């Protein structure tokens, strides 16, 4: 997914998530320009990505496996009441 409205870091994260499989925080952290930043720094970028994806019927979800958070890029199902088809 290439779109100029995403920052460079957001686009790198989207490239990692593009396969639709779950990815670890460490994989997404590798997209940050400062490798010394805290692992939690990915949250700000994920929040920005989510705000831009949700109007397009997409999202980044967090799922827990073996007590580890994993992130996945998904398409949302349209609801009969949301006006989208």
Protein backbone atom coordinates (compact mmCIF):
# COMPACT_ATOMS: atom_id res chain seq x y z
CA UNK A 1 0.00 0.00 0.00
CA UNK A 2 1.63 3.21 -1.14
CA UNK A 3 0.04 6.49 -0.21
CA UNK A 4 1.66 9.87 0.26
CA UNK A 5 -0.55 10.68 3.25
CA UNK A 6 1.45 8.23 5.38
CA UNK A 7 4.75 9.30 6.91
CA UNK A 8 7.88 7.42 5.86
CA UNK A 9 7.85 5.40 9.11
CA UNK A 10 4.13 4.65 8.81
CA UNK A 11 4.66 3.46 5.24
CA UNK A 12 7.51 1.18 6.32
CA UNK A 13 5.26 -0.32 9.00
CA UNK A 14 2.45 -0.78 6.48
CA UNK A 15 4.88 -2.56 4.16
CA UNK A 16 5.69 -5.01 6.96
CA UNK A 17 1.99 -5.51 7.76
CA UNK A 18 0.91 -5.77 4.11
CA UNK A 19 1.01 -9.57 4.08
CA UNK A 20 -1.94 -9.78 6.50
CA UNK A 21 -0.03 -11.97 8.95
CA UNK A 22 0.56 -11.04 12.60
CA UNK A 23 3.83 -9.25 13.36
CA UNK A 24 5.68 -8.60 16.61
CA UNK A 25 6.45 -5.23 18.14
CA UNK A 26 10.11 -5.90 17.40
CA UNK A 27 9.42 -6.25 13.69
CA UNK A 28 7.58 -2.93 13.67
CA UNK A 29 10.21 -1.30 15.88
CA UNK A 30 12.79 -2.09 13.18
CA UNK A 31 10.92 0.41 10.96
CA UNK A 32 11.67 3.32 13.29
CA UNK A 33 14.47 5.67 12.26
CA UNK A 34 15.97 5.58 15.78
CA UNK A 35 16.84 2.02 16.75
CA UNK A 36 17.46 3.19 20.32
CA UNK A 37 13.88 4.39 20.80
CA UNK A 38 11.68 2.53 23.27
CA UNK A 39 9.67 -0.42 22.03
CA UNK A 40 6.50 1.44 23.02
CA UNK A 41 7.31 4.17 20.48
CA UNK A 42 5.52 2.16 17.80
CA UNK A 43 2.17 2.95 19.47
CA UNK A 44 2.18 6.56 18.26
CA UNK A 45 2.81 5.45 14.69
CA UNK A 46 0.17 2.72 14.85
CA UNK A 47 -2.33 5.26 16.14
CA UNK A 48 -1.62 7.55 13.19
CA UNK A 49 -1.92 4.67 10.73
CA UNK A 50 -5.24 3.56 12.24
CA UNK A 51 -6.73 7.05 11.94
CA UNK A 52 -5.92 7.06 8.23
CA UNK A 53 -6.97 3.46 7.51
CA UNK A 54 -10.34 3.33 9.29
CA UNK A 55 -12.16 5.65 6.85
CA UNK A 56 -10.98 3.27 4.10
CA UNK A 57 -12.55 0.25 5.86
CA UNK A 58 -9.21 -1.07 7.14
CA UNK A 59 -7.51 -1.26 10.52
CA UNK A 60 -4.50 -2.52 12.44
CA UNK A 61 -5.60 -4.95 15.12
CA UNK A 62 -3.68 -6.19 18.12
CA UNK A 63 -4.07 -9.85 19.03
CA UNK A 64 -2.49 -11.73 21.91
CA UNK A 65 -0.73 -15.05 21.32
CA UNK A 66 1.17 -16.70 24.14
CA UNK A 67 0.88 -13.42 26.08
CA UNK A 68 2.63 -11.50 23.28
CA UNK A 69 0.95 -8.66 21.39
CA UNK A 70 0.97 -9.14 17.63
CA UNK A 71 -0.23 -6.62 15.04
CA UNK A 72 -2.13 -7.40 11.85
CA UNK A 73 -3.47 -5.27 8.98
CA UNK A 74 -7.10 -6.21 8.25
CA UNK A 75 -10.02 -5.14 6.09
CA UNK A 76 -13.18 -4.40 8.04
CA UNK A 77 -16.50 -5.93 7.08
CA UNK A 78 -19.13 -3.41 6.05
CA UNK A 79 -22.17 -3.19 8.30
CA UNK A 80 -25.70 -2.89 6.96
CA UNK A 81 -26.04 0.33 8.97
CA UNK A 82 -22.79 2.15 8.18
CA UNK A 83 -23.68 3.25 4.64
CA UNK A 84 -20.75 1.50 2.92
CA UNK A 85 -21.06 -1.31 0.43
